[in-house]
Amino acid sequence: MIRNTFVWFMILVVFFGSPASVSAADDSGLQAAMSMQKAFVDVARTLKPSVVNIRIERTSSGGISWLSPEDAPEGSAEEFFRQFFRGQKFQRPPEQKIEGAGSGVIISSDGTILTNNHVVKEASKIVVKLHDQTELPAEIVGQDPQTDLAVIKVKADKELPAAQFANSDEVEVGQWCIAVGNPLGLEQTVTVGVVSALGRSGIGATAIEDFIQTDASINPGNSGGPLVDLKGRVIGINTLIFTAPGSGIGFAIPSNMASRISQQIASKGKVERPYLGITMQGVTEELAKHYDLKDRDGAVVMQLSEDSPASKGGLKPMDIIRKIDGKVMKTTNDVQKSILSMEVGKSVDMEILRNGKTAELKIKLEQMPDSFGLSPREISKLPRPKQQGEGLAGQLGFKVQKLTPEMARSMAVDAKSGLVVAGVRETSAAEKGGLKAGDVIVQVNGQEVADEEAFEKSLKEGEAKKSSVILVNRSGTPMFLVISHTD
């Protein structure tokens, strides 16, 4: 009996270890878990003060509602006034304020904040809430729709804690990462995951894609917040999620790209970025077999933009880009990253495969147009540069037309003379100041205006104060508007 008991005891020791070793193993596992927990807690404690919540308002006028639906216009200024001449009356729906929220990360102690462009795009009002619950108004410094990044700035009465950025080229698949932000309005939320993949592109979310994929929980409102490593350094800016519940797939813009772009925006208000002007796809197995290639390295040129650097340099559709400045290009992502890392004006040596034969090209890189890779709607939202000869009104974002008696009757306006606003450009100083198509301008900076010459002269008097006071008649109601000359 004693012998059998001893045997069973030895078996238990072999399988489960001695009571002392089991206790030691448990203690070792607990120590490791506590160490990992401390790392997460330390990162959250260090990073949270550098993460802000962003609340925005967008104003939607809802367009123009016409009393005669069969004659509803397409929205152009010509159609707008054509309806006036037909004697049609109109009513303007009340403005609607649309609220939104996102996240941001402080990148400079002077109040400079990095976020996503889609968070602040078309915002009429931006409010930033700091970690200590202080709320401050913010202004947009610059935007980059191609990468969905934007820089905003607040004026604080103290230095703000800026986050540290890591080298995203050193990020590895499988490493721990932490996301901090404002998901679904839940402030200062911390989620943990791993880096799932690197160099994700072809998603169709932005014109330039080189995402870090993560399974750290990211939800609406996390946009613009940081993705960090266990040292609390920013490795990416959370930007995009797959909306399927429980998908566990989120995307962040790598810190190297975000840092480079934010520095340019903060210092110059814009991004200087070279481009080739092409669309590409990878080398397929069939194409590699057709040209007897031993590998599938390279990027196949599909289309070229007219008058682009690639077109000027002699690149053609179906060329396969194999090397740039002697470096092998394995994927389309390699080509994109290589070009974006260079300076505008640089000439690159490109080795291509054309109809199975190797050729050399030299292509001079140019500044990427603001509209490159954007949809027509996004292009229409871009600020238009000031043009000579368009007048100060055009530079401020609106145009006027002389008010006729017929128009006055159609608009039910008791005015014998003046100017009527024929159109207002979106995101312009005029729109921000509240000017709307159909407003009848009565006075500008205290002067009555009967024609465009007098109007321009009065408007220029506002240059000294960097703003103009305009008295308008809107649907029979007089109101004052202040238009900034600096927006």
Protein backbone atom coordinates (compact mmCIF):
# COMPACT_ATOMS: atom_id res chain seq x y z
CA MET A 1 0.00 0.00 0.00
CA ILE A 2 2.80 2.38 0.94
CA ARG A 3 4.70 1.37 -2.19
CA ASN A 4 1.69 2.01 -4.42
CA THR A 5 1.16 5.38 -2.80
CA PHE A 6 4.81 6.28 -3.46
CA VAL A 7 4.44 5.26 -7.12
CA TRP A 8 1.38 7.44 -7.62
CA PHE A 9 3.14 10.32 -5.90
CA MET A 10 6.10 10.00 -8.29
CA ILE A 11 3.74 9.92 -11.28
CA LEU A 12 2.07 13.11 -10.11
CA VAL A 13 5.47 14.77 -9.69
CA VAL A 14 6.51 13.74 -13.20
CA PHE A 15 3.32 15.12 -14.78
CA PHE A 16 2.63 18.15 -12.65
CA GLY A 17 5.87 18.83 -10.85
CA SER A 18 6.39 19.04 -7.14
CA PRO A 19 4.19 21.36 -5.10
CA ALA A 20 7.14 23.71 -4.78
CA SER A 21 7.85 23.76 -8.54
CA VAL A 22 4.16 24.30 -9.36
CA SER A 23 4.14 27.26 -7.02
CA ALA A 24 7.30 28.61 -8.61
CA ALA A 25 5.88 28.20 -12.13
CA ASP A 26 2.68 29.98 -11.13
CA ASP A 27 4.69 32.79 -9.58
CA SER A 28 6.89 33.10 -12.69
CA GLY A 29 3.84 33.26 -14.96
CA LEU A 30 2.20 35.84 -12.74
CA GLN A 31 5.38 37.93 -12.73
CA ALA A 32 5.48 37.89 -16.55
CA ALA A 33 1.80 38.84 -16.75
CA MET A 34 2.25 41.65 -14.23
CA SER A 35 5.28 42.92 -16.15
CA MET A 36 3.28 43.02 -19.38
CA GLN A 37 0.39 44.73 -17.60
CA LYS A 38 2.76 47.35 -16.18
CA ALA A 39 4.08 48.06 -19.68
CA PHE A 40 0.53 48.73 -20.95
CA VAL A 41 -0.31 50.87 -17.92
CA ASP A 42 2.90 52.91 -18.26
CA VAL A 43 2.28 53.53 -21.97
CA ALA A 44 -1.31 54.62 -21.35
CA ARG A 45 -0.27 56.91 -18.50
CA THR A 46 2.52 58.48 -20.57
CA LEU A 47 0.63 58.80 -23.82
CA LYS A 48 -2.83 59.99 -22.74
CA PRO A 49 -1.81 63.62 -22.10
CA SER A 50 -0.61 63.84 -25.73
CA VAL A 51 -3.90 62.56 -27.17
CA VAL A 52 -6.78 64.99 -27.75
CA ASN A 53 -10.43 64.66 -28.58
CA ILE A 54 -11.63 66.70 -31.54
CA ARG A 55 -15.20 67.91 -31.93
CA ILE A 56 -16.26 69.58 -35.17
CA GLU A 57 -19.28 71.25 -36.70
CA ARG A 58 -20.11 71.30 -40.38
CA THR A 59 -22.74 73.60 -41.84
CA SER A 60 -25.05 72.21 -44.49
CA SER A 61 -27.34 74.66 -46.23
CA GLY A 62 -29.32 71.88 -47.86
CA GLY A 63 -29.17 73.73 -51.19
CA ILE A 64 -32.15 75.59 -52.66
CA SER A 65 -35.70 74.28 -52.62
CA TRP A 66 -37.76 75.36 -55.62
CA LEU A 67 -41.49 75.84 -55.64
CA SER A 68 -41.75 74.41 -59.16
CA PRO A 69 -40.23 70.91 -58.99
CA GLU A 70 -40.53 70.35 -62.73
CA ASP A 71 -38.16 73.28 -63.29
CA ALA A 72 -35.71 72.36 -60.52
CA PRO A 73 -32.21 73.58 -61.56
CA GLU A 74 -28.97 71.67 -61.41
CA GLY A 75 -27.44 74.21 -59.03
CA SER A 76 -25.35 76.31 -61.39
CA ALA A 77 -25.34 80.11 -61.18
CA GLU A 78 -26.78 80.28 -64.71
CA GLU A 79 -29.71 78.05 -63.79
CA PHE A 80 -30.12 79.98 -60.57
CA PHE A 81 -30.67 83.29 -62.36
CA ARG A 82 -32.59 81.72 -65.21
CA GLN A 83 -35.23 80.81 -62.67
CA PHE A 84 -35.29 84.42 -61.47
CA PHE A 85 -35.95 85.65 -65.00
CA ARG A 86 -38.76 83.14 -65.35
CA GLY A 87 -40.41 84.77 -62.35
CA GLN A 88 -39.99 81.72 -60.14
CA LYS A 89 -39.91 82.28 -56.40
CA PHE A 90 -37.79 80.16 -54.14
CA GLN A 91 -37.40 79.32 -50.52
CA ARG A 92 -34.18 78.44 -48.76
CA PRO A 93 -34.27 75.62 -46.22
CA PRO A 94 -32.79 76.38 -42.82
CA GLU A 95 -29.11 75.61 -42.33
CA GLN A 96 -28.26 72.36 -40.62
CA LYS A 97 -25.32 71.86 -38.30
CA ILE A 98 -23.71 68.46 -38.51
CA GLU A 99 -21.52 67.39 -35.59
CA GLY A 100 -18.64 64.96 -35.72
CA ALA A 101 -15.83 63.73 -33.52
CA GLY A 102 -12.37 62.28 -33.86
CA SER A 103 -8.98 62.12 -32.23
CA GLY A 104 -5.61 63.77 -32.63
CA VAL A 105 -2.10 63.66 -31.26
CA ILE A 106 -0.04 66.63 -30.11
CA ILE A 107 3.18 66.81 -32.14
CA SER A 108 4.60 70.08 -30.80
CA SER A 109 4.41 71.80 -27.43
CA ASP A 110 3.16 74.97 -29.14
CA GLY A 111 -0.24 73.34 -29.71
CA THR A 112 0.31 71.77 -33.13
CA ILE A 113 -1.86 68.67 -33.52
CA LEU A 114 -1.87 65.93 -36.15
CA THR A 115 -5.13 64.23 -37.15
CA ASN A 116 -6.94 62.80 -40.17
CA ASN A 117 -8.11 65.10 -42.92
CA HIS A 118 -11.54 63.45 -42.95
CA VAL A 119 -11.97 64.42 -39.29
CA VAL A 120 -11.69 68.18 -39.92
CA LYS A 121 -12.60 68.41 -43.61
CA GLU A 122 -15.21 71.10 -44.32
CA ALA A 123 -15.42 71.94 -40.60
CA SER A 124 -16.89 75.35 -39.79
CA LYS A 125 -15.90 74.99 -36.15
CA ILE A 126 -13.23 72.86 -34.43
CA VAL A 127 -12.95 72.37 -30.67
CA VAL A 128 -10.11 70.40 -29.09
CA LYS A 129 -10.45 68.85 -25.63
CA LEU A 130 -7.17 68.20 -23.84
CA HIS A 131 -6.46 65.45 -21.33
CA ASP A 132 -7.19 67.82 -18.43
CA GLN A 133 -10.65 68.57 -19.95
CA THR A 134 -9.61 72.03 -21.16
CA GLU A 135 -11.45 72.92 -24.37
CA LEU A 136 -9.80 75.17 -26.95
CA PRO A 137 -10.82 76.38 -30.41
CA ALA A 138 -8.57 75.15 -33.22
CA GLU A 139 -7.69 76.37 -36.68
CA ILE A 140 -6.64 74.28 -39.67
CA VAL A 141 -2.97 74.81 -40.59
CA GLY A 142 -3.05 72.62 -43.68
CA GLN A 143 -4.56 69.50 -45.20
CA ASP A 144 -3.32 66.65 -47.37
CA PRO A 145 -6.24 64.74 -48.93
CA GLN A 146 -3.91 62.33 -50.74
CA THR A 147 -2.84 60.72 -47.46
CA ASP A 148 -5.84 61.81 -45.35
CA LEU A 149 -3.70 63.82 -42.94
CA ALA A 150 -4.27 67.31 -41.55
CA VAL A 151 -2.58 69.62 -39.07
CA ILE A 152 -4.55 71.87 -36.74
CA LYS A 153 -3.39 74.23 -34.00
CA VAL A 154 -4.66 75.54 -30.67
CA LYS A 155 -3.45 78.44 -28.56
CA ALA A 156 -2.85 77.26 -25.00
CA ASP A 157 -1.52 79.24 -22.03
CA LYS A 158 1.04 76.51 -21.34
CA GLU A 159 3.27 74.10 -23.19
CA LEU A 160 1.50 70.92 -24.22
CA PRO A 161 3.04 67.42 -23.96
CA ALA A 162 4.07 66.27 -27.42
CA ALA A 163 4.20 62.58 -28.33
CA GLN A 164 7.37 60.91 -29.52
CA PHE A 165 7.51 59.28 -32.94
CA ALA A 166 9.20 55.98 -33.72
CA ASN A 167 10.80 54.87 -36.97
CA SER A 168 7.97 52.97 -38.66
CA ASP A 169 10.45 51.24 -40.97
CA GLU A 170 11.54 49.24 -37.90
CA VAL A 171 8.02 48.07 -37.04
CA GLU A 172 7.60 44.29 -37.27
CA VAL A 173 4.59 42.09 -37.83
CA GLY A 174 3.51 40.52 -34.56
CA GLN A 175 4.75 43.24 -32.23
CA TRP A 176 2.45 44.65 -29.59
CA CYS A 177 0.71 47.95 -30.29
CA ILE A 178 -1.69 50.20 -28.42
CA ALA A 179 -4.35 52.56 -29.81
CA VAL A 180 -5.59 55.58 -27.87
CA GLY A 181 -8.47 57.78 -28.97
CA ASN A 182 -12.11 58.79 -28.78
CA PRO A 183 -14.07 55.83 -30.22
CA LEU A 184 -17.83 56.39 -30.37
CA GLY A 185 -17.40 59.43 -28.11
CA LEU A 186 -15.79 57.43 -25.30
CA GLU A 187 -12.87 59.68 -24.40
CA GLN A 188 -9.32 58.48 -23.78
CA THR A 189 -10.02 54.84 -24.64
CA VAL A 190 -7.05 52.45 -24.73
CA THR A 191 -7.09 49.25 -26.80
CA VAL A 192 -4.34 46.68 -27.31
CA GLY A 193 -3.40 44.40 -30.20
CA VAL A 194 -0.57 43.46 -32.51
CA VAL A 195 0.72 44.66 -35.85
CA SER A 196 -1.04 42.31 -38.27
CA ALA A 197 0.65 43.36 -41.52
CA LEU A 198 2.72 46.12 -43.13
CA GLY A 199 2.60 47.98 -46.42
CA ARG A 200 -1.09 47.45 -47.07
CA SER A 201 -2.22 49.24 -50.24
CA GLY A 202 -4.81 48.92 -52.98
CA ILE A 203 -7.64 49.41 -50.48
CA GLY A 204 -9.00 52.46 -52.29
CA ALA A 205 -9.34 54.68 -49.23
CA THR A 206 -6.76 57.30 -50.21
CA ALA A 207 -4.68 58.22 -53.24
CA ILE A 208 -1.47 57.23 -51.42
CA GLU A 209 -1.65 54.06 -49.36
CA ASP A 210 1.00 52.35 -47.26
CA PHE A 211 -0.94 51.25 -44.18
CA ILE A 212 0.01 49.39 -41.03
CA GLN A 213 -2.70 46.81 -40.36
CA THR A 214 -3.60 46.08 -36.74
CA ASP A 215 -6.14 44.07 -34.76
CA ALA A 216 -6.14 46.61 -31.92
CA SER A 217 -9.79 47.61 -31.61
CA ILE A 218 -10.40 50.76 -33.68
CA ASN A 219 -13.84 52.31 -34.04
CA PRO A 220 -15.38 55.51 -35.45
CA GLY A 221 -13.86 58.35 -33.43
CA ASN A 222 -10.43 56.72 -33.21
CA SER A 223 -9.54 58.40 -36.49
CA GLY A 224 -6.54 60.68 -36.10
CA GLY A 225 -5.40 59.11 -32.84
CA PRO A 226 -2.05 57.39 -32.37
CA LEU A 227 -1.03 53.76 -32.65
CA VAL A 228 2.03 53.28 -30.43
CA ASP A 229 4.61 50.68 -29.43
CA LEU A 230 5.34 49.46 -25.90
CA LYS A 231 7.70 52.40 -25.40
CA GLY A 232 4.84 54.80 -26.00
CA ARG A 233 6.24 56.01 -29.32
CA VAL A 234 3.86 56.71 -32.21
CA ILE A 235 4.20 54.15 -35.00
CA GLY A 236 1.08 55.19 -36.89
CA ILE A 237 -2.01 57.41 -37.11
CA ASN A 238 -5.24 55.40 -36.95
CA THR A 239 -7.22 56.12 -40.08
CA LEU A 240 -9.42 53.36 -41.41
CA ILE A 241 -11.42 50.35 -40.25
CA PHE A 242 -13.38 47.55 -41.85
CA THR A 243 -16.88 48.11 -40.56
CA ALA A 244 -17.93 44.48 -40.25
CA PRO A 245 -18.53 43.73 -36.54
CA GLY A 246 -15.65 41.85 -34.98
CA SER A 247 -13.52 42.15 -38.10
CA GLY A 248 -10.45 43.05 -36.06
CA ILE A 249 -8.98 44.92 -39.01
CA GLY A 250 -7.83 48.51 -38.70
CA PHE A 251 -5.31 50.58 -40.63
CA ALA A 252 -2.87 53.28 -39.58
CA ILE A 253 -0.68 55.64 -41.59
CA PRO A 254 3.00 54.85 -40.79
CA SER A 255 4.70 57.36 -38.50
CA ASN A 256 7.49 58.14 -40.98
CA MET A 257 4.99 59.26 -43.61
CA ALA A 258 2.83 61.09 -41.06
CA SER A 259 5.82 62.85 -39.52
CA ARG A 260 7.25 63.96 -42.85
CA ILE A 261 3.93 65.34 -44.08
CA SER A 262 2.97 67.03 -40.81
CA GLN A 263 6.34 68.82 -40.64
CA GLN A 264 5.86 70.19 -44.16
CA ILE A 265 2.31 71.31 -43.41
CA ALA A 266 3.33 72.92 -40.10
CA SER A 267 6.22 74.84 -41.67
CA LYS A 268 4.87 75.61 -45.17
CA GLY A 269 1.12 75.05 -44.95
CA LYS A 270 1.31 72.52 -47.78
CA VAL A 271 3.04 69.32 -48.88
CA GLU A 272 5.80 69.19 -51.46
CA ARG A 273 5.52 65.72 -52.93
CA PRO A 274 7.01 64.27 -56.14
CA TYR A 275 5.04 61.98 -58.40
CA LEU A 276 5.30 59.96 -61.61
CA GLY A 277 1.68 60.24 -62.71
CA ILE A 278 0.91 56.57 -63.33
CA THR A 279 -1.35 53.78 -62.15
CA MET A 280 0.29 50.40 -61.56
CA GLN A 281 -0.40 46.78 -60.81
CA GLY A 282 1.82 43.89 -59.79
CA VAL A 283 3.50 41.47 -62.17
CA THR A 284 1.21 38.46 -62.57
CA GLU A 285 2.41 34.89 -62.91
CA GLU A 286 1.15 34.81 -66.50
CA LEU A 287 3.04 37.99 -67.40
CA ALA A 288 6.24 36.71 -65.81
CA LYS A 289 5.90 33.46 -67.77
CA HIS A 290 5.23 35.36 -71.00
CA TYR A 291 8.48 37.33 -70.67
CA ASP A 292 10.47 34.40 -69.27
CA LEU A 293 11.12 36.24 -66.01
CA LYS A 294 12.72 34.30 -63.17
CA ASP A 295 10.84 36.39 -60.64
CA ARG A 296 7.78 38.60 -60.36
CA ASP A 297 9.62 41.73 -59.28
CA GLY A 298 8.43 45.08 -60.58
CA ALA A 299 5.32 47.14 -61.28
CA VAL A 300 3.34 47.14 -64.51
CA VAL A 301 2.43 50.62 -65.80
CA MET A 302 -1.30 50.65 -66.60
CA GLN A 303 -2.14 54.30 -67.29
CA LEU A 304 -0.27 57.60 -67.50
CA SER A 305 -1.65 61.02 -66.64
CA GLU A 306 -1.43 63.52 -69.45
CA ASP A 307 1.60 65.82 -69.26
CA SER A 308 2.93 63.91 -66.24
CA PRO A 309 6.64 63.31 -65.47
CA ALA A 310 6.26 59.67 -66.53
CA SER A 311 4.72 60.67 -69.86
CA LYS A 312 7.40 63.29 -70.48
CA GLY A 313 10.11 60.80 -69.55
CA GLY A 314 9.00 58.24 -72.12
CA LEU A 315 7.26 55.68 -69.92
CA LYS A 316 4.49 53.76 -71.69
CA PRO A 317 1.58 51.49 -70.72
CA MET A 318 2.64 47.87 -70.13
CA ASP A 319 6.22 48.89 -69.28
CA ILE A 320 7.42 46.97 -66.22
CA ILE A 321 9.41 49.11 -63.76
CA ARG A 322 12.20 46.85 -62.49
CA LYS A 323 14.66 49.24 -60.84
CA ILE A 324 14.81 52.86 -59.67
CA ASP A 325 18.29 54.34 -59.18
CA GLY A 326 19.69 50.81 -59.20
CA LYS A 327 17.39 49.49 -56.47
CA VAL A 328 15.17 46.53 -57.27
CA MET A 329 11.44 47.30 -57.12
CA LYS A 330 9.65 44.16 -56.00
CA THR A 331 6.14 45.59 -55.75
CA THR A 332 4.03 48.62 -56.66
CA ASN A 333 4.39 49.69 -53.04
CA ASP A 334 8.19 49.76 -53.46
CA VAL A 335 7.82 52.10 -56.44
CA GLN A 336 5.48 54.41 -54.54
CA LYS A 337 7.67 54.55 -51.42
CA SER A 338 10.80 55.09 -53.48
CA ILE A 339 9.35 58.05 -55.39
CA LEU A 340 7.74 59.63 -52.33
CA SER A 341 11.05 59.54 -50.46
CA MET A 342 12.67 61.78 -53.09
CA GLU A 343 12.60 65.53 -53.68
CA VAL A 344 10.68 67.45 -56.30
CA GLY A 345 12.98 68.21 -59.25
CA LYS A 346 15.19 65.14 -58.81
CA SER A 347 15.90 63.03 -61.91
CA VAL A 348 15.68 59.28 -61.37
CA ASP A 349 17.22 56.50 -63.43
CA MET A 350 14.64 53.86 -64.19
CA GLU A 351 15.23 50.39 -65.57
CA ILE A 352 12.19 49.02 -67.35
CA LEU A 353 11.19 45.98 -69.30
CA ARG A 354 9.43 46.87 -72.57
CA ASN A 355 8.17 44.02 -74.73
CA GLY A 356 10.63 41.72 -73.03
CA LYS A 357 13.66 43.95 -73.60
CA THR A 358 15.46 46.01 -70.96
CA ALA A 359 15.56 49.78 -71.44
CA GLU A 360 16.82 52.75 -69.42
CA LEU A 361 14.86 55.96 -68.83
CA LYS A 362 15.62 59.17 -66.96
CA ILE A 363 12.56 60.84 -65.45
CA LYS A 364 12.51 64.23 -63.74
CA LEU A 365 10.09 64.27 -60.83
CA GLU A 366 7.60 67.13 -60.50
CA GLN A 367 5.29 68.42 -57.78
CA MET A 368 2.18 66.29 -57.43
CA PRO A 369 -0.94 68.30 -58.36
CA ASP A 370 -3.35 68.91 -55.48
CA SER A 371 -6.04 67.06 -57.42
CA PHE A 372 -3.99 63.93 -58.18
CA GLY A 373 -5.80 60.73 -57.23
CA LEU A 374 -8.87 62.52 -55.85
CA SER A 375 -12.50 62.02 -56.83
CA PRO A 376 -14.37 64.80 -58.69
CA ARG A 377 -16.22 65.67 -55.49
CA GLU A 378 -12.99 65.89 -53.50
CA ILE A 379 -11.44 68.05 -56.22
CA SER A 380 -14.39 70.44 -56.04
CA LYS A 381 -13.69 70.91 -52.33
CA LEU A 382 -10.07 71.96 -52.84
CA PRO A 383 -9.29 75.62 -52.12
CA ARG A 384 -8.85 77.45 -55.41
CA PRO A 385 -5.67 79.54 -55.70
CA LYS A 386 -6.08 83.25 -56.15
CA GLN A 387 -5.93 84.29 -59.79
CA GLN A 388 -4.99 87.59 -61.28
CA GLY A 389 -7.81 89.52 -62.91
CA GLU A 390 -10.62 87.83 -61.00
CA GLY A 391 -11.00 90.74 -58.60
CA LEU A 392 -10.96 90.80 -54.82
CA ALA A 393 -14.44 89.27 -54.64
CA GLY A 394 -13.23 86.29 -56.66
CA GLN A 395 -10.21 85.90 -54.40
CA LEU A 396 -12.51 85.85 -51.39
CA GLY A 397 -14.62 83.18 -53.09
CA PHE A 398 -17.74 84.78 -54.54
CA LYS A 399 -19.02 86.58 -57.60
CA VAL A 400 -21.69 89.22 -58.02
CA GLN A 401 -24.11 90.39 -60.67
CA LYS A 402 -25.98 93.69 -61.01
CA LEU A 403 -29.46 93.57 -59.52
CA THR A 404 -32.17 94.30 -62.08
CA PRO A 405 -35.78 95.28 -61.35
CA GLU A 406 -36.94 91.91 -62.71
CA MET A 407 -34.64 90.05 -60.34
CA ALA A 408 -35.72 92.23 -57.41
CA ARG A 409 -39.37 91.38 -58.08
CA SER A 410 -38.62 87.68 -58.44
CA MET A 411 -36.71 87.66 -55.16
CA ALA A 412 -39.34 89.76 -53.38
CA VAL A 413 -36.65 92.28 -52.47
CA ASP A 414 -37.51 95.94 -51.93
CA ALA A 415 -34.39 97.32 -53.61
CA LYS A 416 -34.02 99.46 -56.70
CA SER A 417 -30.29 98.95 -57.19
CA GLY A 418 -27.34 96.97 -55.86
CA LEU A 419 -25.56 93.74 -56.51
CA VAL A 420 -26.72 90.17 -56.01
CA VAL A 421 -24.40 87.31 -55.08
CA ALA A 422 -24.31 84.97 -58.08
CA GLY A 423 -22.27 82.20 -56.47
CA VAL A 424 -20.15 81.31 -53.45
CA ARG A 425 -17.22 78.91 -53.62
CA GLU A 426 -17.25 76.17 -50.99
CA THR A 427 -14.68 76.44 -48.14
CA SER A 428 -13.89 80.02 -49.22
CA ALA A 429 -13.66 83.07 -46.95
CA ALA A 430 -17.02 84.23 -48.27
CA GLU A 431 -18.73 80.97 -47.34
CA LYS A 432 -17.09 80.95 -43.91
CA GLY A 433 -18.38 84.49 -43.40
CA GLY A 434 -21.94 83.36 -44.14
CA LEU A 435 -22.45 84.85 -47.61
CA LYS A 436 -24.92 82.94 -49.78
CA ALA A 437 -26.03 82.92 -53.39
CA GLY A 438 -29.06 85.17 -53.73
CA ASP A 439 -27.96 87.66 -51.07
CA VAL A 440 -28.44 91.26 -52.21
CA ILE A 441 -25.45 93.40 -51.24
CA VAL A 442 -26.55 96.82 -50.01
CA GLN A 443 -23.37 98.23 -48.44
CA VAL A 444 -19.71 97.27 -48.19
CA ASN A 445 -17.59 98.83 -45.44
CA GLY A 446 -20.16 101.58 -44.95
CA GLN A 447 -20.41 102.51 -48.63
CA GLU A 448 -23.45 101.93 -50.81
CA VAL A 449 -22.58 99.96 -53.93
CA ALA A 450 -24.54 100.35 -57.14
CA ASP A 451 -22.12 98.70 -59.55
CA GLU A 452 -19.17 96.33 -59.57
CA GLU A 453 -16.59 99.11 -59.79
CA ALA A 454 -17.87 100.78 -56.63
CA PHE A 455 -18.19 97.36 -55.00
CA GLU A 456 -14.54 96.41 -55.64
CA LYS A 457 -13.35 99.82 -54.45
CA SER A 458 -15.28 99.53 -51.19
CA LEU A 459 -14.16 95.93 -50.70
CA LYS A 460 -10.50 96.92 -50.99
CA GLU A 461 -10.93 99.30 -48.06
CA GLY A 462 -11.23 96.20 -45.89
CA GLU A 463 -7.68 95.10 -46.74
CA ALA A 464 -6.21 97.34 -44.02
CA LYS A 465 -8.31 95.71 -41.30
CA LYS A 466 -8.07 92.30 -42.99
CA SER A 467 -11.87 91.98 -43.08
CA SER A 468 -14.90 93.62 -44.64
CA VAL A 469 -18.34 94.34 -43.20
CA ILE A 470 -21.08 93.65 -45.74
CA LEU A 471 -24.74 94.57 -45.34
CA VAL A 472 -26.96 92.20 -47.26
CA ASN A 473 -30.68 91.75 -47.79
CA ARG A 474 -31.56 88.09 -47.50
CA SER A 475 -35.13 87.21 -48.43
CA GLY A 476 -36.28 90.59 -47.19
CA THR A 477 -34.23 90.49 -43.96
CA PRO A 478 -31.20 92.79 -43.58
CA MET A 479 -28.11 91.38 -41.88
CA PHE A 480 -24.45 92.20 -41.37
CA LEU A 481 -21.72 89.76 -42.37
CA VAL A 482 -17.98 89.98 -41.75
CA ILE A 483 -15.76 88.46 -44.45
CA SER A 484 -12.14 87.76 -43.53
CA HIS A 485 -9.45 88.73 -46.06
CA THR A 486 -6.94 86.29 -44.59
CA ASP A 487 -8.72 82.90 -44.90
